[in-house]
Amino acid sequence: MGTPASDDRLRRARGWLAAHDQPDGASGFVGPAYQRWTAGLRFYYAAAGAEALGGVSEKLAASLAATQRGDGSWRNAENLVKEDDPLIATGFAVAALSK
């Protein structure tokens, strides 16, 4: 059984996520040792954020549209979590945009 959408804790958590949204990568990684992770989790973060927030922001949708490749796929330049594989990155991008 899930938490009702009207629950104040859920509403506040969604507000916090929306306020910290970063359309070009995962937020929260600070310092030189973590710089690659912001970009490296870009598509995973987009899909997870869209699921949590019930959709994508206009900024995220525009960012994804701008990085879609000519063949319809997406690919991350970072290879930290295999998002450099279009099969992985495209699945996450489509999951995000379908919310």
N, C-alpha and C. Protein backbone atom coordinates (compact mmCIF):
# COMPACT_ATOMS: atom_id res chain seq x y z
N MET A 1 0.85 -1.18 0.00
CA MET A 1 0.00 0.00 0.00
C MET A 1 0.89 1.24 0.00
N GLY A 2 0.67 2.15 -0.91
CA GLY A 2 1.50 3.33 -1.04
C GLY A 2 1.03 4.50 -0.21
N THR A 3 1.85 5.51 -0.17
CA THR A 3 1.51 6.74 0.53
C THR A 3 0.64 7.59 -0.37
N PRO A 4 -0.46 8.13 0.15
CA PRO A 4 -1.33 8.96 -0.69
C PRO A 4 -0.58 10.19 -1.22
N ALA A 5 -0.87 10.58 -2.44
CA ALA A 5 -0.21 11.74 -3.05
C ALA A 5 -0.42 13.02 -2.25
N SER A 6 -1.47 13.06 -1.45
CA SER A 6 -1.77 14.26 -0.66
C SER A 6 -0.97 14.32 0.64
N ASP A 7 -0.23 13.27 0.98
CA ASP A 7 0.54 13.23 2.21
C ASP A 7 1.56 14.37 2.22
N ASP A 8 1.61 15.09 3.35
CA ASP A 8 2.48 16.26 3.45
C ASP A 8 3.95 15.90 3.29
N ARG A 9 4.36 14.74 3.80
CA ARG A 9 5.76 14.34 3.66
C ARG A 9 6.12 14.13 2.19
N LEU A 10 5.23 13.52 1.46
CA LEU A 10 5.46 13.28 0.04
C LEU A 10 5.45 14.60 -0.73
N ARG A 11 4.54 15.47 -0.40
CA ARG A 11 4.46 16.78 -1.06
C ARG A 11 5.75 17.57 -0.82
N ARG A 12 6.24 17.58 0.42
CA ARG A 12 7.48 18.30 0.73
C ARG A 12 8.68 17.68 0.04
N ALA A 13 8.73 16.36 -0.01
CA ALA A 13 9.85 15.68 -0.67
C ALA A 13 9.87 15.99 -2.17
N ARG A 14 8.71 15.98 -2.79
CA ARG A 14 8.65 16.33 -4.22
C ARG A 14 9.07 17.77 -4.45
N GLY A 15 8.67 18.65 -3.55
CA GLY A 15 9.07 20.06 -3.65
C GLY A 15 10.57 20.22 -3.55
N TRP A 16 11.17 19.46 -2.63
CA TRP A 16 12.62 19.51 -2.46
C TRP A 16 13.33 19.00 -3.71
N LEU A 17 12.84 17.87 -4.24
CA LEU A 17 13.44 17.33 -5.46
C LEU A 17 13.33 18.31 -6.63
N ALA A 18 12.17 18.92 -6.78
CA ALA A 18 11.97 19.88 -7.87
C ALA A 18 12.90 21.09 -7.70
N ALA A 19 13.10 21.54 -6.47
CA ALA A 19 13.96 22.70 -6.22
C ALA A 19 15.43 22.39 -6.49
N HIS A 20 15.81 21.14 -6.40
CA HIS A 20 17.20 20.75 -6.61
C HIS A 20 17.43 20.08 -7.96
N ASP A 21 16.44 20.14 -8.81
CA ASP A 21 16.54 19.50 -10.13
C ASP A 21 17.64 20.15 -10.95
N GLN A 22 18.35 19.33 -11.66
CA GLN A 22 19.43 19.79 -12.54
C GLN A 22 19.23 19.07 -13.87
N PRO A 23 18.81 19.75 -14.91
CA PRO A 23 18.44 19.07 -16.16
C PRO A 23 19.58 18.41 -16.93
N ASP A 24 20.81 18.78 -16.63
CA ASP A 24 21.92 18.22 -17.39
C ASP A 24 22.72 17.18 -16.63
N GLY A 25 22.19 16.70 -15.52
CA GLY A 25 22.89 15.68 -14.76
C GLY A 25 22.38 15.56 -13.35
N ALA A 26 22.91 14.59 -12.65
CA ALA A 26 22.49 14.34 -11.27
C ALA A 26 23.06 15.40 -10.34
N SER A 27 22.21 15.95 -9.52
CA SER A 27 22.68 16.96 -8.56
C SER A 27 23.21 16.28 -7.31
N GLY A 28 23.91 17.04 -6.49
CA GLY A 28 24.37 16.55 -5.21
C GLY A 28 25.81 16.09 -5.16
N PHE A 29 26.49 16.03 -6.26
CA PHE A 29 27.89 15.60 -6.27
C PHE A 29 28.78 16.84 -6.19
N VAL A 30 29.53 16.94 -5.10
CA VAL A 30 30.33 18.13 -4.84
C VAL A 30 31.80 17.75 -4.75
N GLY A 31 32.64 18.58 -5.28
CA GLY A 31 34.08 18.37 -5.18
C GLY A 31 34.65 17.71 -6.41
N PRO A 32 35.95 17.90 -6.61
CA PRO A 32 36.62 17.39 -7.81
C PRO A 32 36.52 15.87 -7.98
N ALA A 33 36.53 15.14 -6.88
CA ALA A 33 36.49 13.68 -6.99
C ALA A 33 35.17 13.18 -7.54
N TYR A 34 34.13 14.02 -7.47
CA TYR A 34 32.80 13.58 -7.87
C TYR A 34 32.29 14.24 -9.14
N GLN A 35 33.08 15.08 -9.79
CA GLN A 35 32.61 15.84 -10.94
C GLN A 35 32.07 14.95 -12.05
N ARG A 36 32.68 13.82 -12.29
CA ARG A 36 32.22 12.95 -13.38
C ARG A 36 30.85 12.35 -13.09
N TRP A 37 30.50 12.21 -11.81
CA TRP A 37 29.24 11.55 -11.45
C TRP A 37 28.02 12.37 -11.84
N THR A 38 28.13 13.70 -11.80
CA THR A 38 26.99 14.53 -12.20
C THR A 38 26.57 14.18 -13.62
N ALA A 39 27.53 14.13 -14.52
CA ALA A 39 27.24 13.76 -15.92
C ALA A 39 27.04 12.26 -16.07
N GLY A 40 27.79 11.48 -15.32
CA GLY A 40 27.76 10.03 -15.48
C GLY A 40 26.43 9.38 -15.15
N LEU A 41 25.64 10.01 -14.31
CA LEU A 41 24.32 9.48 -13.95
C LEU A 41 23.19 10.27 -14.58
N ARG A 42 23.49 10.98 -15.63
CA ARG A 42 22.52 11.90 -16.24
C ARG A 42 21.20 11.24 -16.60
N PHE A 43 21.23 10.18 -17.35
CA PHE A 43 19.99 9.58 -17.85
C PHE A 43 19.27 8.78 -16.77
N TYR A 44 20.04 8.12 -15.91
CA TYR A 44 19.44 7.42 -14.76
C TYR A 44 18.71 8.43 -13.88
N TYR A 45 19.36 9.55 -13.59
CA TYR A 45 18.78 10.60 -12.77
C TYR A 45 17.51 11.16 -13.42
N ALA A 46 17.53 11.34 -14.72
CA ALA A 46 16.36 11.86 -15.43
C ALA A 46 15.18 10.90 -15.28
N ALA A 47 15.43 9.60 -15.47
CA ALA A 47 14.35 8.62 -15.35
C ALA A 47 13.83 8.53 -13.92
N ALA A 48 14.73 8.50 -12.95
CA ALA A 48 14.32 8.42 -11.55
C ALA A 48 13.57 9.67 -11.12
N GLY A 49 14.05 10.83 -11.53
CA GLY A 49 13.39 12.08 -11.19
C GLY A 49 12.00 12.18 -11.80
N ALA A 50 11.88 11.77 -13.04
CA ALA A 50 10.57 11.81 -13.70
C ALA A 50 9.59 10.88 -13.00
N GLU A 51 10.07 9.75 -12.57
CA GLU A 51 9.21 8.80 -11.83
C GLU A 51 8.76 9.41 -10.51
N ALA A 52 9.70 10.00 -9.77
CA ALA A 52 9.39 10.57 -8.46
C ALA A 52 8.49 11.80 -8.56
N LEU A 53 8.70 12.60 -9.59
CA LEU A 53 7.95 13.85 -9.72
C LEU A 53 6.71 13.73 -10.61
N GLY A 54 6.53 12.57 -11.23
CA GLY A 54 5.36 12.39 -12.09
C GLY A 54 5.50 13.02 -13.46
N GLY A 55 6.71 13.28 -13.90
CA GLY A 55 6.93 13.86 -15.21
C GLY A 55 8.25 14.60 -15.25
N VAL A 56 8.59 15.11 -16.41
CA VAL A 56 9.83 15.85 -16.57
C VAL A 56 9.54 17.34 -16.65
N SER A 57 10.51 18.13 -16.21
CA SER A 57 10.39 19.58 -16.33
C SER A 57 10.62 19.97 -17.79
N GLU A 58 10.22 21.17 -18.13
CA GLU A 58 10.47 21.66 -19.50
C GLU A 58 11.95 21.73 -19.78
N LYS A 59 12.73 22.11 -18.75
CA LYS A 59 14.18 22.20 -18.91
C LYS A 59 14.78 20.83 -19.21
N LEU A 60 14.33 19.81 -18.50
CA LEU A 60 14.86 18.47 -18.73
C LEU A 60 14.44 17.96 -20.10
N ALA A 61 13.19 18.17 -20.48
CA ALA A 61 12.73 17.72 -21.79
C ALA A 61 13.55 18.40 -22.90
N ALA A 62 13.81 19.69 -22.75
CA ALA A 62 14.61 20.42 -23.74
C ALA A 62 16.04 19.90 -23.78
N SER A 63 16.60 19.62 -22.61
CA SER A 63 17.96 19.11 -22.54
C SER A 63 18.07 17.74 -23.21
N LEU A 64 17.10 16.89 -22.94
CA LEU A 64 17.10 15.57 -23.59
C LEU A 64 16.92 15.69 -25.10
N ALA A 65 16.02 16.55 -25.53
CA ALA A 65 15.81 16.73 -26.96
C ALA A 65 17.08 17.22 -27.65
N ALA A 66 17.81 18.10 -26.98
CA ALA A 66 19.02 18.67 -27.57
C ALA A 66 20.15 17.65 -27.68
N THR A 67 20.11 16.60 -26.89
CA THR A 67 21.19 15.62 -26.91
C THR A 67 20.83 14.31 -27.60
N GLN A 68 19.62 14.24 -28.14
CA GLN A 68 19.24 13.02 -28.86
C GLN A 68 20.04 12.95 -30.15
N ARG A 69 20.55 11.78 -30.44
CA ARG A 69 21.38 11.59 -31.62
C ARG A 69 20.52 11.42 -32.86
N GLY A 70 21.11 11.58 -34.01
CA GLY A 70 20.41 11.52 -35.28
C GLY A 70 19.66 10.22 -35.53
N ASP A 71 20.14 9.12 -34.96
CA ASP A 71 19.47 7.84 -35.15
C ASP A 71 18.36 7.60 -34.13
N GLY A 72 18.10 8.60 -33.27
CA GLY A 72 17.04 8.50 -32.27
C GLY A 72 17.52 8.07 -30.90
N SER A 73 18.78 7.70 -30.77
CA SER A 73 19.30 7.21 -29.49
C SER A 73 19.93 8.33 -28.68
N TRP A 74 20.27 8.00 -27.44
CA TRP A 74 21.04 8.87 -26.57
C TRP A 74 22.29 8.10 -26.17
N ARG A 75 23.32 8.83 -25.81
CA ARG A 75 24.58 8.22 -25.36
C ARG A 75 25.28 9.22 -24.47
N ASN A 76 25.80 8.76 -23.37
CA ASN A 76 26.52 9.61 -22.43
C ASN A 76 28.02 9.51 -22.73
N ALA A 77 28.70 10.63 -22.70
CA ALA A 77 30.16 10.61 -22.91
C ALA A 77 30.87 9.94 -21.73
N GLU A 78 30.24 9.96 -20.56
CA GLU A 78 30.81 9.31 -19.37
C GLU A 78 30.46 7.82 -19.36
N ASN A 79 31.41 7.01 -18.94
CA ASN A 79 31.20 5.56 -18.93
C ASN A 79 31.07 4.97 -17.54
N LEU A 80 30.84 5.80 -16.54
CA LEU A 80 30.85 5.35 -15.15
C LEU A 80 29.83 4.25 -14.87
N VAL A 81 28.65 4.35 -15.41
CA VAL A 81 27.61 3.35 -15.14
C VAL A 81 27.00 2.82 -16.45
N LYS A 82 27.85 2.75 -17.47
CA LYS A 82 27.47 2.20 -18.77
C LYS A 82 26.48 3.07 -19.55
N GLU A 83 26.30 4.33 -19.17
CA GLU A 83 25.44 5.19 -19.96
C GLU A 83 26.09 5.59 -21.28
N ASP A 84 27.33 5.20 -21.48
CA ASP A 84 27.96 5.41 -22.78
C ASP A 84 27.42 4.40 -23.79
N ASP A 85 26.70 3.41 -23.33
CA ASP A 85 26.03 2.42 -24.19
C ASP A 85 24.65 2.97 -24.54
N PRO A 86 24.37 3.21 -25.82
CA PRO A 86 23.06 3.75 -26.21
C PRO A 86 21.88 2.89 -25.75
N LEU A 87 22.08 1.59 -25.58
CA LEU A 87 20.99 0.75 -25.09
C LEU A 87 20.60 1.12 -23.67
N ILE A 88 21.55 1.53 -22.87
CA ILE A 88 21.28 1.94 -21.49
C ILE A 88 20.75 3.37 -21.47
N ALA A 89 21.47 4.29 -22.06
CA ALA A 89 21.09 5.70 -22.02
C ALA A 89 19.74 5.96 -22.68
N THR A 90 19.48 5.32 -23.80
CA THR A 90 18.22 5.54 -24.51
C THR A 90 17.04 5.03 -23.69
N GLY A 91 17.21 3.87 -23.06
CA GLY A 91 16.13 3.35 -22.22
C GLY A 91 15.76 4.31 -21.10
N PHE A 92 16.78 4.86 -20.45
CA PHE A 92 16.52 5.83 -19.37
C PHE A 92 15.89 7.11 -19.91
N ALA A 93 16.37 7.61 -21.05
CA ALA A 93 15.82 8.85 -21.62
C ALA A 93 14.37 8.66 -22.02
N VAL A 94 14.05 7.54 -22.63
CA VAL A 94 12.66 7.25 -23.02
C VAL A 94 11.79 7.10 -21.79
N ALA A 95 12.30 6.44 -20.75
CA ALA A 95 11.54 6.30 -19.50
C ALA A 95 11.22 7.67 -18.90
N ALA A 96 12.20 8.57 -18.93
CA ALA A 96 11.98 9.92 -18.41
C ALA A 96 10.94 10.66 -19.23
N LEU A 97 11.08 10.64 -20.52
CA LEU A 97 10.17 11.40 -21.39
C LEU A 97 8.77 10.81 -21.44
N SER A 98 8.62 9.56 -21.08
CA SER A 98 7.29 8.94 -21.15
C SER A 98 6.44 9.23 -19.92
N LYS A 99 7.00 9.90 -18.92
CA LYS A 99 6.24 10.24 -17.70
C LYS A 99 5.45 11.49 -17.89
